[in-house]
Structures are given as structure tokens and as C-alpha cells.
PDB file of N, CA and C in Angstrom:
ATOM      1  N   MET A   1     -10.123  33.122 -53.046  1.00  0.00           N
ATOM      2  CA  MET A   1      -9.439  33.004 -51.763  1.00  0.00           C
ATOM      3  C   MET A   1      -9.460  31.529 -51.360  1.00  0.00           C
ATOM      4  N   GLY A   2      -8.322  31.030 -50.962  1.00  0.00           N
ATOM      5  CA  GLY A   2      -8.216  29.629 -50.591  1.00  0.00           C
ATOM      6  C   GLY A   2      -8.584  29.394 -49.132  1.00  0.00           C
ATOM      7  N   LEU A   3      -8.660  28.134 -48.798  1.00  0.00           N
ATOM      8  CA  LEU A   3      -9.016  27.735 -47.436  1.00  0.00           C
ATOM      9  C   LEU A   3      -8.007  28.262 -46.415  1.00  0.00           C
ATOM     10  N   GLY A   4      -6.725  28.228 -46.786  1.00  0.00           N
ATOM     11  CA  GLY A   4      -5.687  28.733 -45.881  1.00  0.00           C
ATOM     12  C   GLY A   4      -5.886  30.202 -45.556  1.00  0.00           C
ATOM     13  N   ASP A   5      -6.245  30.989 -46.555  1.00  0.00           N
ATOM     14  CA  ASP A   5      -6.497  32.415 -46.336  1.00  0.00           C
ATOM     15  C   ASP A   5      -7.695  32.628 -45.418  1.00  0.00           C
ATOM     16  N   GLU A   6      -8.740  31.839 -45.648  1.00  0.00           N
ATOM     17  CA  GLU A   6      -9.937  31.950 -44.806  1.00  0.00           C
ATOM     18  C   GLU A   6      -9.617  31.588 -43.357  1.00  0.00           C
ATOM     19  N   LEU A   7      -8.849  30.515 -43.189  1.00  0.00           N
ATOM     20  CA  LEU A   7      -8.472  30.106 -41.831  1.00  0.00           C
ATOM     21  C   LEU A   7      -7.614  31.167 -41.162  1.00  0.00           C
ATOM     22  N   ASN A   8      -6.725  31.799 -41.904  1.00  0.00           N
ATOM     23  CA  ASN A   8      -5.899  32.870 -41.344  1.00  0.00           C
ATOM     24  C   ASN A   8      -6.755  34.055 -40.921  1.00  0.00           C
ATOM     25  N   GLN A   9      -7.760  34.386 -41.718  1.00  0.00           N
ATOM     26  CA  GLN A   9      -8.663  35.488 -41.359  1.00  0.00           C
ATOM     27  C   GLN A   9      -9.452  35.148 -40.095  1.00  0.00           C
ATOM     28  N   ILE A  10      -9.940  33.920 -40.005  1.00  0.00           N
ATOM     29  CA  ILE A  10     -10.683  33.482 -38.817  1.00  0.00           C
ATOM     30  C   ILE A  10      -9.779  33.526 -37.593  1.00  0.00           C
ATOM     31  N   TYR A  11      -8.560  33.018 -37.750  1.00  0.00           N
ATOM     32  CA  TYR A  11      -7.604  33.024 -36.637  1.00  0.00           C
ATOM     33  C   TYR A  11      -7.308  34.453 -36.178  1.00  0.00           C
ATOM     34  N   SER A  12      -7.121  35.348 -37.131  1.00  0.00           N
ATOM     35  CA  SER A  12      -6.842  36.750 -36.791  1.00  0.00           C
ATOM     36  C   SER A  12      -8.017  37.377 -36.042  1.00  0.00           C
ATOM     37  N   ALA A  13      -9.227  37.086 -36.500  1.00  0.00           N
ATOM     38  CA  ALA A  13     -10.415  37.642 -35.839  1.00  0.00           C
ATOM     39  C   ALA A  13     -10.526  37.111 -34.419  1.00  0.00           C
ATOM     40  N   ILE A  14     -10.307  35.821 -34.241  1.00  0.00           N
ATOM     41  CA  ILE A  14     -10.400  35.220 -32.902  1.00  0.00           C
ATOM     42  C   ILE A  14      -9.304  35.770 -31.994  1.00  0.00           C
ATOM     43  N   SER A  15      -8.102  35.910 -32.534  1.00  0.00           N
ATOM     44  CA  SER A  15      -6.994  36.454 -31.737  1.00  0.00           C
ATOM     45  C   SER A  15      -7.292  37.873 -31.279  1.00  0.00           C
ATOM     46  N   GLY A  16      -7.875  38.676 -32.165  1.00  0.00           N
ATOM     47  CA  GLY A  16      -8.227  40.049 -31.801  1.00  0.00           C
ATOM     48  C   GLY A  16      -9.275  40.087 -30.713  1.00  0.00           C
ATOM     49  N   LYS A  17     -10.287  39.239 -30.844  1.00  0.00           N
ATOM     50  CA  LYS A  17     -11.342  39.186 -29.820  1.00  0.00           C
ATOM     51  C   LYS A  17     -10.767  38.712 -28.496  1.00  0.00           C
ATOM     52  N   SER A  18      -9.880  37.719 -28.556  1.00  0.00           N
ATOM     53  CA  SER A  18      -9.261  37.192 -27.337  1.00  0.00           C
ATOM     54  C   SER A  18      -8.452  38.277 -26.626  1.00  0.00           C
ATOM     55  N   ALA A  19      -7.708  39.062 -27.384  1.00  0.00           N
ATOM     56  CA  ALA A  19      -6.923  40.152 -26.793  1.00  0.00           C
ATOM     57  C   ALA A  19      -7.842  41.180 -26.144  1.00  0.00           C
ATOM     58  N   ASP A  20      -8.973  41.478 -26.782  1.00  0.00           N
ATOM     59  CA  ASP A  20      -9.933  42.426 -26.210  1.00  0.00           C
ATOM     60  C   ASP A  20     -10.480  41.905 -24.888  1.00  0.00           C
ATOM     61  N   VAL A  21     -10.842  40.629 -24.870  1.00  0.00           N
ATOM     62  CA  VAL A  21     -11.400  40.026 -23.656  1.00  0.00           C
ATOM     63  C   VAL A  21     -10.358  40.024 -22.537  1.00  0.00           C
ATOM     64  N   GLU A  22      -9.124  39.667 -22.861  1.00  0.00           N
ATOM     65  CA  GLU A  22      -8.063  39.652 -21.850  1.00  0.00           C
ATOM     66  C   GLU A  22      -7.836  41.048 -21.273  1.00  0.00           C
ATOM     67  N   GLU A  23      -7.862  42.056 -22.126  1.00  0.00           N
ATOM     68  CA  GLU A  23      -7.663  43.435 -21.662  1.00  0.00           C
ATOM     69  C   GLU A  23      -8.811  43.854 -20.737  1.00  0.00           C
ATOM     70  N   LYS A  24     -10.028  43.498 -21.093  1.00  0.00           N
ATOM     71  CA  LYS A  24     -11.183  43.838 -20.259  1.00  0.00           C
ATOM     72  C   LYS A  24     -11.135  43.090 -18.930  1.00  0.00           C
ATOM     73  N   MET A  25     -10.718  41.835 -18.959  1.00  0.00           N
ATOM     74  CA  MET A  25     -10.603  41.062 -17.719  1.00  0.00           C
ATOM     75  C   MET A  25      -9.554  41.684 -16.799  1.00  0.00           C
ATOM     76  N   GLY A  26      -8.461  42.134 -17.376  1.00  0.00           N
ATOM     77  CA  GLY A  26      -7.423  42.788 -16.588  1.00  0.00           C
ATOM     78  C   GLY A  26      -7.940  44.050 -15.919  1.00  0.00           C
ATOM     79  N   ARG A  27      -8.699  44.843 -16.676  1.00  0.00           N
ATOM     80  CA  ARG A  27      -9.271  46.074 -16.097  1.00  0.00           C
ATOM     81  C   ARG A  27     -10.234  45.738 -14.972  1.00  0.00           C
ATOM     82  N   LEU A  28     -11.064  44.712 -15.166  1.00  0.00           N
ATOM     83  CA  LEU A  28     -12.011  44.317 -14.120  1.00  0.00           C
ATOM     84  C   LEU A  28     -11.282  43.833 -12.870  1.00  0.00           C
ATOM     85  N   GLN A  29     -10.219  43.051 -13.059  1.00  0.00           N
ATOM     86  CA  GLN A  29      -9.453  42.552 -11.920  1.00  0.00           C
ATOM     87  C   GLN A  29      -8.793  43.700 -11.156  1.00  0.00           C
ATOM     88  N   ARG A  30      -8.251  44.678 -11.887  1.00  0.00           N
ATOM     89  CA  ARG A  30      -7.633  45.829 -11.209  1.00  0.00           C
ATOM     90  C   ARG A  30      -8.689  46.637 -10.460  1.00  0.00           C
ATOM     91  N   THR A  31      -9.839  46.807 -11.069  1.00  0.00           N
ATOM     92  CA  THR A  31     -10.926  47.539 -10.424  1.00  0.00           C
ATOM     93  C   THR A  31     -11.388  46.809  -9.173  1.00  0.00           C
ATOM     94  N   LYS A  32     -11.546  45.493  -9.276  1.00  0.00           N
ATOM     95  CA  LYS A  32     -11.962  44.693  -8.122  1.00  0.00           C
ATOM     96  C   LYS A  32     -10.939  44.806  -6.998  1.00  0.00           C
ATOM     97  N   GLY A  33      -9.658  44.776  -7.346  1.00  0.00           N
ATOM     98  CA  GLY A  33      -8.613  44.928  -6.340  1.00  0.00           C
ATOM     99  C   GLY A  33      -8.718  46.268  -5.625  1.00  0.00           C
ATOM    100  N   GLY A  34      -9.000  47.318  -6.379  1.00  0.00           N
ATOM    101  CA  GLY A  34      -9.159  48.644  -5.773  1.00  0.00           C
ATOM    102  C   GLY A  34     -10.371  48.691  -4.862  1.00  0.00           C
ATOM    103  N   ILE A  35     -11.455  48.085  -5.277  1.00  0.00           N
ATOM    104  CA  ILE A  35     -12.674  48.056  -4.445  1.00  0.00           C
ATOM    105  C   ILE A  35     -12.409  47.268  -3.175  1.00  0.00           C
ATOM    106  N   ASP A  36     -11.735  46.118  -3.306  1.00  0.00           N
ATOM    107  CA  ASP A  36     -11.416  45.306  -2.126  1.00  0.00           C
ATOM    108  C   ASP A  36     -10.563  46.093  -1.131  1.00  0.00           C
ATOM    109  N   ARG A  37      -9.570  46.829  -1.647  1.00  0.00           N
ATOM    110  CA  ARG A  37      -8.715  47.640  -0.759  1.00  0.00           C
ATOM    111  C   ARG A  37      -9.528  48.718  -0.051  1.00  0.00           C
ATOM    112  N   GLU A  38     -10.398  49.386  -0.800  1.00  0.00           N
ATOM    113  CA  GLU A  38     -11.220  50.434  -0.196  1.00  0.00           C
ATOM    114  C   GLU A  38     -12.143  49.868   0.877  1.00  0.00           C
ATOM    115  N   GLN A  39     -12.695  48.689   0.632  1.00  0.00           N
ATOM    116  CA  GLN A  39     -13.568  48.067   1.627  1.00  0.00           C
ATOM    117  C   GLN A  39     -12.789  47.736   2.892  1.00  0.00           C
ATOM    118  N   LYS A  40     -11.591  47.195   2.722  1.00  0.00           N
ATOM    119  CA  LYS A  40     -10.755  46.854   3.886  1.00  0.00           C
ATOM    120  C   LYS A  40     -10.399  48.102   4.670  1.00  0.00           C
ATOM    121  N   GLU A  41     -10.026  49.176   3.957  1.00  0.00           N
ATOM    122  CA  GLU A  41      -9.650  50.421   4.634  1.00  0.00           C
ATOM    123  C   GLU A  41     -10.846  51.037   5.362  1.00  0.00           C
ATOM    124  N   SER A  42     -12.007  50.901   4.794  1.00  0.00           N
ATOM    125  CA  SER A  42     -13.195  51.507   5.431  1.00  0.00           C
ATOM    126  C   SER A  42     -13.610  50.736   6.693  1.00  0.00           C
ATOM    127  N   LEU A  43     -13.170  49.499   6.811  1.00  0.00           N
ATOM    128  CA  LEU A  43     -13.514  48.700   7.986  1.00  0.00           C
ATOM    129  C   LEU A  43     -12.563  48.981   9.152  1.00  0.00           C
ATOM    130  N   HIS A  44     -11.443  49.629   8.894  1.00  0.00           N
ATOM    131  CA  HIS A  44     -10.463  49.893   9.956  1.00  0.00           C
ATOM    132  C   HIS A  44     -10.557  51.306  10.459  1.00  0.00           C
TER     133      HIS A  44
END
């Protein structure tokens, strides 16, 4: 396996991890938004 193949494998692994992290961050942000709304509604 050449260096180019190894770099492509590394890039693919990093891209996959990055997509996972972005998806988790999105879920956390949506959850936080829901919690913030519930807190605001409970104060009124």
C-alpha cells in the first residue's frame, strides 16, 4: 500500500469521525434549545 492510499484511509477515518461529532453537536444544540424553551415557558 502506498503513501497515497494510507493518506486516503486517514482522511476517510477523520471525515467519518468529524461527521459523527457534527451530528452529536446538532443533537445537543436541539436538546439545549428545547430545554431553554421549557425553562422560559415554566417561568411564565
